PDB file of N, CA and C in Angstrom:
ATOM      1  N   UNK A   1      89.692 128.336  41.797  1.00  0.00           N
ATOM      2  CA  UNK A   1      90.979 128.253  42.460  1.00  0.00           C
ATOM      3  C   UNK A   1      91.080 126.888  43.126  1.00  0.00           C
ATOM      4  N   UNK A   2      92.186 126.249  42.895  1.00  0.00           N
ATOM      5  CA  UNK A   2      92.462 124.972  43.550  1.00  0.00           C
ATOM      6  C   UNK A   2      93.573 125.203  44.572  1.00  0.00           C
ATOM      7  N   UNK A   3      93.321 124.824  45.803  1.00  0.00           N
ATOM      8  CA  UNK A   3      94.308 124.979  46.868  1.00  0.00           C
ATOM      9  C   UNK A   3      95.132 123.696  46.958  1.00  0.00           C
ATOM     10  N   UNK A   4      96.410 123.807  46.654  1.00  0.00           N
ATOM     11  CA  UNK A   4      97.304 122.655  46.720  1.00  0.00           C
ATOM     12  C   UNK A   4      97.897 122.484  48.115  1.00  0.00           C
ATOM     13  N   UNK A   5      98.181 123.612  48.755  1.00  0.00           N
ATOM     14  CA  UNK A   5      98.761 123.606  50.100  1.00  0.00           C
ATOM     15  C   UNK A   5      98.261 124.835  50.839  1.00  0.00           C
ATOM     16  N   UNK A   6      97.803 124.650  52.076  1.00  0.00           N
ATOM     17  CA  UNK A   6      97.271 125.737  52.900  1.00  0.00           C
ATOM     18  C   UNK A   6      98.155 125.837  54.140  1.00  0.00           C
ATOM     19  N   UNK A   7      99.172 126.707  54.071  1.00  0.00           N
ATOM     20  CA  UNK A   7     100.168 126.753  55.146  1.00  0.00           C
ATOM     21  C   UNK A   7     100.723 128.159  55.339  1.00  0.00           C
ATOM     22  N   UNK A   8     101.187 128.422  56.566  1.00  0.00           N
ATOM     23  CA  UNK A   8     101.875 129.663  56.903  1.00  0.00           C
ATOM     24  C   UNK A   8     103.039 129.344  57.845  1.00  0.00           C
ATOM     25  N   UNK A   9     103.959 130.312  57.969  1.00  0.00           N
ATOM     26  CA  UNK A   9     105.042 130.215  58.946  1.00  0.00           C
ATOM     27  C   UNK A   9     104.848 131.334  59.961  1.00  0.00           C
ATOM     28  N   UNK A  10     104.896 130.998  61.240  1.00  0.00           N
ATOM     29  CA  UNK A  10     104.830 132.008  62.284  1.00  0.00           C
ATOM     30  C   UNK A  10     106.167 132.738  62.323  1.00  0.00           C
ATOM     31  N   UNK A  11     106.114 134.047  62.221  1.00  0.00           N
ATOM     32  CA  UNK A  11     107.347 134.844  62.246  1.00  0.00           C
ATOM     33  C   UNK A  11     107.874 135.045  63.668  1.00  0.00           C
ATOM     34  N   UNK A  12     107.114 134.607  64.659  1.00  0.00           N
ATOM     35  CA  UNK A  12     107.556 134.751  66.052  1.00  0.00           C
ATOM     36  C   UNK A  12     108.250 133.492  66.561  1.00  0.00           C
ATOM     37  N   UNK A  13     107.627 132.317  66.340  1.00  0.00           N
ATOM     38  CA  UNK A  13     108.238 131.081  66.849  1.00  0.00           C
ATOM     39  C   UNK A  13     108.851 130.211  65.757  1.00  0.00           C
ATOM     40  N   UNK A  14     108.584 130.546  64.479  1.00  0.00           N
ATOM     41  CA  UNK A  14     109.181 129.809  63.373  1.00  0.00           C
ATOM     42  C   UNK A  14     108.425 128.566  62.943  1.00  0.00           C
ATOM     43  N   UNK A  15     107.338 128.211  63.635  1.00  0.00           N
ATOM     44  CA  UNK A  15     106.553 127.037  63.260  1.00  0.00           C
ATOM     45  C   UNK A  15     105.956 127.183  61.867  1.00  0.00           C
ATOM     46  N   UNK A  16     106.013 126.116  61.092  1.00  0.00           N
ATOM     47  CA  UNK A  16     105.259 126.032  59.852  1.00  0.00           C
ATOM     48  C   UNK A  16     104.036 125.199  60.173  1.00  0.00           C
ATOM     49  N   UNK A  17     102.855 125.779  59.954  1.00  0.00           N
ATOM     50  CA  UNK A  17     101.614 125.072  60.255  1.00  0.00           C
ATOM     51  C   UNK A  17     100.799 124.945  58.983  1.00  0.00           C
ATOM     52  N   UNK A  18     100.143 123.789  58.826  1.00  0.00           N
ATOM     53  CA  UNK A  18      99.392 123.497  57.616  1.00  0.00           C
ATOM     54  C   UNK A  18      98.037 122.915  57.981  1.00  0.00           C
ATOM     55  N   UNK A  19      96.995 123.413  57.338  1.00  0.00           N
ATOM     56  CA  UNK A  19      95.649 122.877  57.490  1.00  0.00           C
ATOM     57  C   UNK A  19      95.429 121.899  56.349  1.00  0.00           C
ATOM     58  N   UNK A  20      95.061 120.674  56.671  1.00  0.00           N
ATOM     59  CA  UNK A  20      94.980 119.630  55.654  1.00  0.00           C
ATOM     60  C   UNK A  20      93.569 119.316  55.197  1.00  0.00           C
ATOM     61  N   UNK A  21      92.564 119.684  55.978  1.00  0.00           N
ATOM     62  CA  UNK A  21      91.187 119.438  55.565  1.00  0.00           C
ATOM     63  C   UNK A  21      90.290 120.548  56.107  1.00  0.00           C
ATOM     64  N   UNK A  22      89.070 120.619  55.588  1.00  0.00           N
ATOM     65  CA  UNK A  22      88.132 121.678  55.962  1.00  0.00           C
ATOM     66  C   UNK A  22      87.908 121.701  57.476  1.00  0.00           C
ATOM     67  N   UNK A  23      87.874 122.898  58.057  1.00  0.00           N
ATOM     68  CA  UNK A  23      87.682 123.111  59.497  1.00  0.00           C
ATOM     69  C   UNK A  23      88.803 122.489  60.334  1.00  0.00           C
ATOM     70  N   UNK A  24      89.997 122.436  59.776  1.00  0.00           N
ATOM     71  CA  UNK A  24      91.180 121.892  60.457  1.00  0.00           C
ATOM     72  C   UNK A  24      92.056 123.064  60.893  1.00  0.00           C
ATOM     73  N   UNK A  25      91.586 123.810  61.904  1.00  0.00           N
ATOM     74  CA  UNK A  25      92.336 124.985  62.364  1.00  0.00           C
ATOM     75  C   UNK A  25      93.545 124.537  63.167  1.00  0.00           C
ATOM     76  N   UNK A  26      94.709 125.063  62.789  1.00  0.00           N
ATOM     77  CA  UNK A  26      95.965 124.728  63.464  1.00  0.00           C
ATOM     78  C   UNK A  26      96.633 126.012  63.936  1.00  0.00           C
ATOM     79  N   UNK A  27      97.053 126.034  65.194  1.00  0.00           N
ATOM     80  CA  UNK A  27      97.775 127.170  65.775  1.00  0.00           C
ATOM     81  C   UNK A  27      99.252 126.828  65.883  1.00  0.00           C
ATOM     82  N   UNK A  28     100.093 127.832  65.794  1.00  0.00           N
ATOM     83  CA  UNK A  28     101.526 127.636  66.000  1.00  0.00           C
ATOM     84  C   UNK A  28     101.784 127.376  67.489  1.00  0.00           C
ATOM     85  N   UNK A  29     103.008 126.980  67.805  1.00  0.00           N
ATOM     86  CA  UNK A  29     103.361 126.647  69.197  1.00  0.00           C
ATOM     87  C   UNK A  29     103.211 127.821  70.155  1.00  0.00           C
ATOM     88  N   UNK A  30     103.494 129.044  69.689  1.00  0.00           N
ATOM     89  CA  UNK A  30     103.407 130.199  70.594  1.00  0.00           C
ATOM     90  C   UNK A  30     102.001 130.796  70.647  1.00  0.00           C
ATOM     91  N   UNK A  31     101.078 130.305  69.810  1.00  0.00           N
ATOM     92  CA  UNK A  31      99.699 130.762  69.844  1.00  0.00           C
ATOM     93  C   UNK A  31      99.443 132.111  69.193  1.00  0.00           C
ATOM     94  N   UNK A  32     100.371 132.577  68.373  1.00  0.00           N
ATOM     95  CA  UNK A  32     100.228 133.898  67.754  1.00  0.00           C
ATOM     96  C   UNK A  32      99.416 133.870  66.455  1.00  0.00           C
ATOM     97  N   UNK A  33      99.511 132.777  65.678  1.00  0.00           N
ATOM     98  CA  UNK A  33      98.837 132.701  64.381  1.00  0.00           C
ATOM     99  C   UNK A  33      98.233 131.324  64.158  1.00  0.00           C
ATOM    100  N   UNK A  34      97.229 131.284  63.276  1.00  0.00           N
ATOM    101  CA  UNK A  34      96.578 130.018  62.951  1.00  0.00           C
ATOM    102  C   UNK A  34      96.214 129.983  61.475  1.00  0.00           C
ATOM    103  N   UNK A  35      96.051 128.777  60.968  1.00  0.00           N
ATOM    104  CA  UNK A  35      95.654 128.535  59.586  1.00  0.00           C
ATOM    105  C   UNK A  35      94.452 127.578  59.622  1.00  0.00           C
ATOM    106  N   UNK A  36      93.532 127.732  58.656  1.00  0.00           N
ATOM    107  CA  UNK A  36      92.323 126.911  58.637  1.00  0.00           C
ATOM    108  C   UNK A  36      91.837 126.754  57.201  1.00  0.00           C
ATOM    109  N   UNK A  37      91.070 125.711  56.936  1.00  0.00           N
ATOM    110  CA  UNK A  37      90.387 125.554  55.661  1.00  0.00           C
ATOM    111  C   UNK A  37      90.829 124.405  54.788  1.00  0.00           C
ATOM    112  N   UNK A  38      91.985 123.817  55.081  1.00  0.00           N
ATOM    113  CA  UNK A  38      92.451 122.703  54.254  1.00  0.00           C
ATOM    114  C   UNK A  38      92.507 123.085  52.781  1.00  0.00           C
ATOM    115  N   UNK A  39      91.913 122.231  51.944  1.00  0.00           N
ATOM    116  CA  UNK A  39      91.897 122.481  50.502  1.00  0.00           C
ATOM    117  C   UNK A  39      90.595 123.141  50.063  1.00  0.00           C
ATOM    118  N   UNK A  40      89.767 123.562  51.049  1.00  0.00           N
ATOM    119  CA  UNK A  40      88.467 124.173  50.739  1.00  0.00           C
ATOM    120  C   UNK A  40      88.504 125.697  50.736  1.00  0.00           C
ATOM    121  N   UNK A  41      89.230 126.298  51.674  1.00  0.00           N
ATOM    122  CA  UNK A  41      89.296 127.760  51.768  1.00  0.00           C
ATOM    123  C   UNK A  41      90.543 128.168  52.531  1.00  0.00           C
ATOM    124  N   UNK A  42      90.970 129.429  52.343  1.00  0.00           N
ATOM    125  CA  UNK A  42      92.144 129.964  53.029  1.00  0.00           C
ATOM    126  C   UNK A  42      91.680 130.924  54.119  1.00  0.00           C
ATOM    127  N   UNK A  43      91.944 130.573  55.362  1.00  0.00           N
ATOM    128  CA  UNK A  43      91.599 131.454  56.480  1.00  0.00           C
ATOM    129  C   UNK A  43      92.826 131.609  57.372  1.00  0.00           C
ATOM    130  N   UNK A  44      93.097 132.856  57.771  1.00  0.00           N
ATOM    131  CA  UNK A  44      94.214 133.170  58.655  1.00  0.00           C
ATOM    132  C   UNK A  44      93.682 133.853  59.898  1.00  0.00           C
ATOM    133  N   UNK A  45      94.244 133.510  61.051  1.00  0.00           N
ATOM    134  CA  UNK A  45      93.913 134.174  62.306  1.00  0.00           C
ATOM    135  C   UNK A  45      95.209 134.591  62.968  1.00  0.00           C
ATOM    136  N   UNK A  46      95.155 135.719  63.684  1.00  0.00           N
ATOM    137  CA  UNK A  46      96.354 136.191  64.380  1.00  0.00           C
ATOM    138  C   UNK A  46      95.923 136.947  65.627  1.00  0.00           C
ATOM    139  N   UNK A  47      96.789 136.938  66.625  1.00  0.00           N
ATOM    140  CA  UNK A  47      96.504 137.607  67.885  1.00  0.00           C
ATOM    141  C   UNK A  47      96.879 139.083  67.808  1.00  0.00           C
ATOM    142  N   UNK A  48      98.031 139.380  67.214  1.00  0.00           N
ATOM    143  CA  UNK A  48      98.543 140.748  67.215  1.00  0.00           C
ATOM    144  C   UNK A  48      98.474 141.435  65.853  1.00  0.00           C
ATOM    145  N   UNK A  49      99.071 140.825  64.843  1.00  0.00           N
ATOM    146  CA  UNK A  49      99.227 141.501  63.555  1.00  0.00           C
ATOM    147  C   UNK A  49      99.335 140.490  62.415  1.00  0.00           C
ATOM    148  N   UNK A  50      98.823 140.832  61.228  1.00  0.00           N
ATOM    149  CA  UNK A  50      99.027 139.948  60.076  1.00  0.00           C
ATOM    150  C   UNK A  50     100.494 139.868  59.653  1.00  0.00           C
ATOM    151  N   UNK A  51     101.312 140.764  60.169  1.00  0.00           N
ATOM    152  CA  UNK A  51     102.746 140.702  59.887  1.00  0.00           C
ATOM    153  C   UNK A  51     103.427 139.585  60.675  1.00  0.00           C
ATOM    154  N   UNK A  52     102.678 138.908  61.541  1.00  0.00           N
ATOM    155  CA  UNK A  52     103.247 137.838  62.359  1.00  0.00           C
ATOM    156  C   UNK A  52     103.359 136.510  61.618  1.00  0.00           C
ATOM    157  N   UNK A  53     102.898 136.457  60.355  1.00  0.00           N
ATOM    158  CA  UNK A  53     103.042 135.218  59.602  1.00  0.00           C
ATOM    159  C   UNK A  53     103.512 135.486  58.173  1.00  0.00           C
ATOM    160  N   UNK A  54     104.116 134.440  57.592  1.00  0.00           N
ATOM    161  CA  UNK A  54     104.524 134.452  56.199  1.00  0.00           C
ATOM    162  C   UNK A  54     103.692 133.419  55.461  1.00  0.00           C
ATOM    163  N   UNK A  55     103.105 133.832  54.355  1.00  0.00           N
ATOM    164  CA  UNK A  55     102.241 132.950  53.559  1.00  0.00           C
ATOM    165  C   UNK A  55     103.067 131.903  52.831  1.00  0.00           C
ATOM    166  N   UNK A  56     102.683 130.636  52.946  1.00  0.00           N
ATOM    167  CA  UNK A  56     103.368 129.545  52.258  1.00  0.00           C
ATOM    168  C   UNK A  56     102.430 128.733  51.372  1.00  0.00           C
ATOM    169  N   UNK A  57     101.172 129.134  51.286  1.00  0.00           N
ATOM    170  CA  UNK A  57     100.183 128.371  50.532  1.00  0.00           C
ATOM    171  C   UNK A  57     100.511 128.340  49.044  1.00  0.00           C
ATOM    172  N   UNK A  58     100.023 127.280  48.396  1.00  0.00           N
ATOM    173  CA  UNK A  58     100.180 127.121  46.956  1.00  0.00           C
ATOM    174  C   UNK A  58      98.793 126.944  46.361  1.00  0.00           C
ATOM    175  N   UNK A  59      98.464 127.800  45.390  1.00  0.00           N
ATOM    176  CA  UNK A  59      97.159 127.726  44.730  1.00  0.00           C
ATOM    177  C   UNK A  59      97.335 127.777  43.218  1.00  0.00           C
ATOM    178  N   UNK A  60      96.359 127.219  42.521  1.00  0.00           N
ATOM    179  CA  UNK A  60      96.339 127.246  41.063  1.00  0.00           C
ATOM    180  C   UNK A  60      95.018 127.878  40.646  1.00  0.00           C
ATOM    181  N   UNK A  61      95.096 128.871  39.755  1.00  0.00           N
ATOM    182  CA  UNK A  61      93.905 129.544  39.256  1.00  0.00           C
ATOM    183  C   UNK A  61      93.562 129.022  37.871  1.00  0.00           C
ATOM    184  N   UNK A  62      92.266 128.930  37.559  1.00  0.00           N
ATOM    185  CA  UNK A  62      91.827 128.529  36.227  1.00  0.00           C
ATOM    186  C   UNK A  62      92.045 129.685  35.253  1.00  0.00           C
ATOM    187  N   UNK A  63      92.033 129.387  33.968  1.00  0.00           N
ATOM    188  CA  UNK A  63      92.174 130.429  32.951  1.00  0.00           C
ATOM    189  C   UNK A  63      91.052 131.455  33.070  1.00  0.00           C
ATOM    190  N   UNK A  64      89.846 131.003  33.395  1.00  0.00           N
ATOM    191  CA  UNK A  64      88.712 131.914  33.543  1.00  0.00           C
ATOM    192  C   UNK A  64      88.922 132.874  34.704  1.00  0.00           C
ATOM    193  N   UNK A  65      89.442 132.379  35.810  1.00  0.00           N
ATOM    194  CA  UNK A  65      89.717 133.238  36.974  1.00  0.00           C
ATOM    195  C   UNK A  65      90.793 134.264  36.655  1.00  0.00           C
ATOM    196  N   UNK A  66      91.813 133.855  35.927  1.00  0.00           N
ATOM    197  CA  UNK A  66      92.875 134.781  35.539  1.00  0.00           C
ATOM    198  C   UNK A  66      92.347 135.847  34.584  1.00  0.00           C
ATOM    199  N   UNK A  67      91.488 135.450  33.643  1.00  0.00           N
ATOM    200  CA  UNK A  67      90.905 136.410  32.707  1.00  0.00           C
ATOM    201  C   UNK A  67      90.023 137.414  33.444  1.00  0.00           C
ATOM    202  N   UNK A  68      89.227 136.952  34.399  1.00  0.00           N
ATOM    203  CA  UNK A  68      88.366 137.846  35.180  1.00  0.00           C
ATOM    204  C   UNK A  68      89.213 138.824  35.987  1.00  0.00           C
ATOM    205  N   UNK A  69      90.286 138.350  36.579  1.00  0.00           N
ATOM    206  CA  UNK A  69      91.186 139.214  37.340  1.00  0.00           C
ATOM    207  C   UNK A  69      91.786 140.295  36.440  1.00  0.00           C
ATOM    208  N   UNK A  70      92.167 139.926  35.228  1.00  0.00           N
ATOM    209  CA  UNK A  70      92.726 140.895  34.278  1.00  0.00           C
ATOM    210  C   UNK A  70      91.675 141.936  33.898  1.00  0.00           C
ATOM    211  N   UNK A  71      90.426 141.507  33.682  1.00  0.00           N
ATOM    212  CA  UNK A  71      89.349 142.451  33.352  1.00  0.00           C
ATOM    213  C   UNK A  71      89.120 143.429  34.501  1.00  0.00           C
ATOM    214  N   UNK A  72      89.112 142.934  35.720  1.00  0.00           N
ATOM    215  CA  UNK A  72      88.908 143.797  36.883  1.00  0.00           C
ATOM    216  C   UNK A  72      90.038 144.823  37.014  1.00  0.00           C
ATOM    217  N   UNK A  73      91.266 144.398  36.808  1.00  0.00           N
ATOM    218  CA  UNK A  73      92.398 145.321  36.883  1.00  0.00           C
ATOM    219  C   UNK A  73      92.317 146.388  35.803  1.00  0.00           C
ATOM    220  N   UNK A  74      91.899 145.999  34.595  1.00  0.00           N
ATOM    221  CA  UNK A  74      91.754 146.960  33.507  1.00  0.00           C
ATOM    222  C   UNK A  74      90.657 147.968  33.833  1.00  0.00           C
ATOM    223  N   UNK A  75      89.544 147.505  34.389  1.00  0.00           N
ATOM    224  CA  UNK A  75      88.458 148.406  34.793  1.00  0.00           C
ATOM    225  C   UNK A  75      88.947 149.417  35.829  1.00  0.00           C
ATOM    226  N   UNK A  76      89.745 148.955  36.793  1.00  0.00           N
ATOM    227  CA  UNK A  76      90.280 149.847  37.819  1.00  0.00           C
ATOM    228  C   UNK A  76      91.216 150.892  37.214  1.00  0.00           C
ATOM    229  N   UNK A  77      92.052 150.471  36.261  1.00  0.00           N
ATOM    230  CA  UNK A  77      92.960 151.413  35.603  1.00  0.00           C
ATOM    231  C   UNK A  77      92.174 152.474  34.828  1.00  0.00           C
ATOM    232  N   UNK A  78      91.140 152.045  34.119  1.00  0.00           N
ATOM    233  CA  UNK A  78      90.320 152.995  33.356  1.00  0.00           C
ATOM    234  C   UNK A  78      89.608 153.973  34.270  1.00  0.00           C
ATOM    235  N   UNK A  79      89.100 153.463  35.381  1.00  0.00           N
ATOM    236  CA  UNK A  79      88.406 154.324  36.349  1.00  0.00           C
ATOM    237  C   UNK A  79      89.367 155.341  36.961  1.00  0.00           C
ATOM    238  N   UNK A  80      90.573 154.910  37.274  1.00  0.00           N
ATOM    239  CA  UNK A  80      91.567 155.812  37.868  1.00  0.00           C
ATOM    240  C   UNK A  80      92.014 156.883  36.872  1.00  0.00           C
ATOM    241  N   UNK A  81      91.969 156.577  35.578  1.00  0.00           N
ATOM    242  CA  UNK A  81      92.413 157.519  34.556  1.00  0.00           C
ATOM    243  C   UNK A  81      91.390 158.629  34.315  1.00  0.00           C
ATOM    244  N   UNK A  82      90.148 158.421  34.743  1.00  0.00           N
ATOM    245  CA  UNK A  82      89.095 159.431  34.532  1.00  0.00           C
ATOM    246  C   UNK A  82      89.210 160.581  35.463  1.00  0.00           C
TER     247      UNK A  82
END
């Protein structure tokens, strides 16, 4: 997975916050939500609820990652059918 943009919008104060590099934790103005990880990882923090933010990140998955995800979903469907 390649992270093109690591950002969220706080649903309480409306701030759009973006982490630009690894360990670059950014909090919104009201202190309710934070984003971290830059282009290395996606981490979200919140004081009250995960419903307090809207995801704005952009990621690209490799063909291998998409194929693995499809295999996992098929395995889950087969297991549920038993």
